[in-house]
Amino acid sequence: MGAGARRPGGQAEVAYPDEEVHGVASRYVVAPSGTPWSARYVTGWVGLNRAWFSAALADPGRAAVARGIMLHELAHLVGLDHVEDPTQVMHATSETTGLGDGDREGLAIAGAGSCYADT
């Protein structure tokens, strides 16, 4: 499956595009009442460059960066956006290889939301 493909039933998907970028992610959110505070995460996808990741994960010098990019894209999948702090994995161009305190705080907030059976 290519980037942007979604499975029926709202399951998140990890895809491997053959593109010039290392990774991309998108999430799908619905707002049942049409208001921003009713927004609910429903599904999403992550796309990783197969050729780049295959080479990077086989290279001990680049494997940590590849894992950092994967963390970054998966964090987008669950709702985190880019931040200005270059020490955080969610910085747009950071080569940070692990979660920073701000990343952890954002993930804790994203994970504290309610679950809904109707979406």
C-alpha atoms as a PDB file:
ATOM      1  CA  MET A   1       0.000   0.000   0.000  1.00  0.00           C
ATOM      2  CA  GLY A   2       1.212   3.476  -0.725  1.00  0.00           C
ATOM      3  CA  ALA A   3       1.222   6.545   1.454  1.00  0.00           C
ATOM      4  CA  GLY A   4      -2.241   7.835   2.066  1.00  0.00           C
ATOM      5  CA  ALA A   5      -3.923   4.441   1.889  1.00  0.00           C
ATOM      6  CA  ARG A   6      -6.306   3.714   4.731  1.00  0.00           C
ATOM      7  CA  ARG A   7      -7.782   0.425   5.779  1.00  0.00           C
ATOM      8  CA  PRO A   8     -11.540   0.174   6.273  1.00  0.00           C
ATOM      9  CA  GLY A   9     -12.694   0.057   9.862  1.00  0.00           C
ATOM     10  CA  GLY A  10     -10.557   2.909  11.180  1.00  0.00           C
ATOM     11  CA  GLN A  11      -7.337   0.958  11.749  1.00  0.00           C
ATOM     12  CA  ALA A  12      -4.112   2.918  11.701  1.00  0.00           C
ATOM     13  CA  GLU A  13      -1.710   1.819   8.984  1.00  0.00           C
ATOM     14  CA  VAL A  14       2.031   2.025   8.439  1.00  0.00           C
ATOM     15  CA  ALA A  15       2.899   2.355   4.740  1.00  0.00           C
ATOM     16  CA  TYR A  16       6.235   2.519   2.937  1.00  0.00           C
ATOM     17  CA  PRO A  17       6.284   5.051   0.102  1.00  0.00           C
ATOM     18  CA  ASP A  18       9.148   5.262  -2.362  1.00  0.00           C
ATOM     19  CA  GLU A  19       9.560   9.016  -2.097  1.00  0.00           C
ATOM     20  CA  GLU A  20      12.380  11.457  -1.490  1.00  0.00           C
ATOM     21  CA  VAL A  21      11.212  12.130   2.076  1.00  0.00           C
ATOM     22  CA  HIS A  22      12.233   9.847   4.937  1.00  0.00           C
ATOM     23  CA  GLY A  23       8.795   9.775   6.566  1.00  0.00           C
ATOM     24  CA  VAL A  24       5.345  11.341   6.539  1.00  0.00           C
ATOM     25  CA  ALA A  25       2.271  10.955   8.733  1.00  0.00           C
ATOM     26  CA  SER A  26      -1.337  12.024   8.797  1.00  0.00           C
ATOM     27  CA  ARG A  27      -4.213  11.587  11.190  1.00  0.00           C
ATOM     28  CA  TYR A  28      -7.945  11.763  10.565  1.00  0.00           C
ATOM     29  CA  VAL A  29     -10.063  13.635  13.082  1.00  0.00           C
ATOM     30  CA  VAL A  30     -13.838  14.083  13.162  1.00  0.00           C
ATOM     31  CA  ALA A  31     -15.859  16.675  15.074  1.00  0.00           C
ATOM     32  CA  PRO A  32     -19.349  15.177  15.567  1.00  0.00           C
ATOM     33  CA  SER A  33     -20.981  18.422  16.676  1.00  0.00           C
ATOM     34  CA  GLY A  34     -18.968  20.562  14.274  1.00  0.00           C
ATOM     35  CA  THR A  35     -17.165  22.326  17.089  1.00  0.00           C
ATOM     36  CA  PRO A  36     -13.410  22.139  17.759  1.00  0.00           C
ATOM     37  CA  TRP A  37     -13.884  20.771  21.300  1.00  0.00           C
ATOM     38  CA  SER A  38     -15.809  17.766  19.954  1.00  0.00           C
ATOM     39  CA  ALA A  39     -12.872  16.704  17.754  1.00  0.00           C
ATOM     40  CA  ARG A  40     -11.942  13.021  18.019  1.00  0.00           C
ATOM     41  CA  TYR A  41      -8.992  11.164  16.559  1.00  0.00           C
ATOM     42  CA  VAL A  42     -10.259   8.326  14.369  1.00  0.00           C
ATOM     43  CA  THR A  43      -7.442   6.880  12.276  1.00  0.00           C
ATOM     44  CA  GLY A  44      -4.262   7.776  10.458  1.00  0.00           C
ATOM     45  CA  TRP A  45      -1.249   6.535   8.540  1.00  0.00           C
ATOM     46  CA  VAL A  46       2.529   6.711   8.599  1.00  0.00           C
ATOM     47  CA  GLY A  47       4.631   6.519   5.443  1.00  0.00           C
ATOM     48  CA  LEU A  48       8.317   5.626   5.567  1.00  0.00           C
ATOM     49  CA  ASN A  49      10.792   5.655   2.694  1.00  0.00           C
ATOM     50  CA  ARG A  50      11.568   1.960   2.226  1.00  0.00           C
ATOM     51  CA  ALA A  51      14.949   2.404   0.536  1.00  0.00           C
ATOM     52  CA  TRP A  52      16.211   5.019   2.996  1.00  0.00           C
ATOM     53  CA  PHE A  53      15.032   3.119   6.083  1.00  0.00           C
ATOM     54  CA  SER A  54      16.429  -0.200   4.854  1.00  0.00           C
ATOM     55  CA  ALA A  55      19.847   1.376   4.373  1.00  0.00           C
ATOM     56  CA  ALA A  56      19.738   3.463   7.559  1.00  0.00           C
ATOM     57  CA  LEU A  57      18.672   0.600   9.828  1.00  0.00           C
ATOM     58  CA  ALA A  58      21.490  -1.565   8.428  1.00  0.00           C
ATOM     59  CA  ASP A  59      24.043   1.186   9.189  1.00  0.00           C
ATOM     60  CA  PRO A  60      24.959   1.438  12.909  1.00  0.00           C
ATOM     61  CA  GLY A  61      25.828   5.102  12.368  1.00  0.00           C
ATOM     62  CA  ARG A  62      22.340   5.985  11.082  1.00  0.00           C
ATOM     63  CA  ALA A  63      20.081   3.471  12.832  1.00  0.00           C
ATOM     64  CA  ALA A  64      19.412   5.763  15.808  1.00  0.00           C
ATOM     65  CA  VAL A  65      18.394   8.613  13.480  1.00  0.00           C
ATOM     66  CA  ALA A  66      16.033   6.245  11.646  1.00  0.00           C
ATOM     67  CA  ARG A  67      14.438   5.273  14.970  1.00  0.00           C
ATOM     68  CA  GLY A  68      14.094   8.980  15.850  1.00  0.00           C
ATOM     69  CA  ILE A  69      12.298   9.649  12.565  1.00  0.00           C
ATOM     70  CA  MET A  70       9.997   6.698  13.234  1.00  0.00           C
ATOM     71  CA  LEU A  71       9.202   8.081  16.720  1.00  0.00           C
ATOM     72  CA  HIS A  72       8.526  11.497  15.183  1.00  0.00           C
ATOM     73  CA  GLU A  73       6.089  10.124  12.589  1.00  0.00           C
ATOM     74  CA  LEU A  74       4.301   7.843  15.083  1.00  0.00           C
ATOM     75  CA  ALA A  75       3.885  10.805  17.442  1.00  0.00           C
ATOM     76  CA  HIS A  76       2.205  12.712  14.578  1.00  0.00           C
ATOM     77  CA  LEU A  77      -0.096   9.708  14.159  1.00  0.00           C
ATOM     78  CA  VAL A  78      -1.332   9.998  17.748  1.00  0.00           C
ATOM     79  CA  GLY A  79      -1.799  13.753  17.613  1.00  0.00           C
ATOM     80  CA  LEU A  80       1.450  15.620  18.276  1.00  0.00           C
ATOM     81  CA  ASP A  81       2.474  18.560  16.088  1.00  0.00           C
ATOM     82  CA  HIS A  82       5.869  20.133  15.456  1.00  0.00           C
ATOM     83  CA  VAL A  83       7.502  22.126  18.246  1.00  0.00           C
ATOM     84  CA  GLU A  84      10.128  24.866  18.207  1.00  0.00           C
ATOM     85  CA  ASP A  85      12.570  23.178  20.616  1.00  0.00           C
ATOM     86  CA  PRO A  86      15.277  21.381  18.562  1.00  0.00           C
ATOM     87  CA  THR A  87      16.044  19.052  21.485  1.00  0.00           C
ATOM     88  CA  GLN A  88      12.637  17.384  21.092  1.00  0.00           C
ATOM     89  CA  VAL A  89      11.902  14.583  18.610  1.00  0.00           C
ATOM     90  CA  MET A  90       8.860  16.606  17.444  1.00  0.00           C
ATOM     91  CA  HIS A  91      11.027  19.434  16.112  1.00  0.00           C
ATOM     92  CA  ALA A  92      10.518  19.571  12.327  1.00  0.00           C
ATOM     93  CA  THR A  93      14.165  19.089  11.354  1.00  0.00           C
ATOM     94  CA  SER A  94      15.726  17.676  14.507  1.00  0.00           C
ATOM     95  CA  GLU A  95      17.914  14.591  14.362  1.00  0.00           C
ATOM     96  CA  THR A  96      17.018  13.853  17.978  1.00  0.00           C
ATOM     97  CA  THR A  97      16.945  10.104  18.450  1.00  0.00           C
ATOM     98  CA  GLY A  98      14.805   9.800  21.559  1.00  0.00           C
ATOM     99  CA  LEU A  99      11.853  11.401  23.270  1.00  0.00           C
ATOM    100  CA  GLY A 100      12.490  14.581  25.207  1.00  0.00           C
ATOM    101  CA  ASP A 101      10.555  15.791  28.244  1.00  0.00           C
ATOM    102  CA  GLY A 102       8.270  17.914  26.041  1.00  0.00           C
ATOM    103  CA  ASP A 103       7.601  14.959  23.735  1.00  0.00           C
ATOM    104  CA  ARG A 104       6.664  12.818  26.737  1.00  0.00           C
ATOM    105  CA  GLU A 105       4.407  15.552  28.099  1.00  0.00           C
ATOM    106  CA  GLY A 106       2.630  15.851  24.733  1.00  0.00           C
ATOM    107  CA  LEU A 107       2.154  12.082  24.510  1.00  0.00           C
ATOM    108  CA  ALA A 108       0.763  11.990  28.058  1.00  0.00           C
ATOM    109  CA  ILE A 109      -1.776  14.683  27.171  1.00  0.00           C
ATOM    110  CA  ALA A 110      -2.724  12.923  23.926  1.00  0.00           C
ATOM    111  CA  GLY A 111      -3.119   9.612  25.766  1.00  0.00           C
ATOM    112  CA  ALA A 112      -5.288  11.101  28.504  1.00  0.00           C
ATOM    113  CA  GLY A 113      -8.210  11.740  26.148  1.00  0.00           C
ATOM    114  CA  SER A 114     -11.480   9.850  26.263  1.00  0.00           C
ATOM    115  CA  CYS A 115     -12.331   6.886  24.057  1.00  0.00           C
ATOM    116  CA  TYR A 116     -15.607   6.938  22.105  1.00  0.00           C
ATOM    117  CA  ALA A 117     -17.469   3.899  20.809  1.00  0.00           C
ATOM    118  CA  ASP A 118     -19.514   5.926  18.322  1.00  0.00           C
ATOM    119  CA  THR A 119     -16.640   7.053  16.050  1.00  0.00           C
END
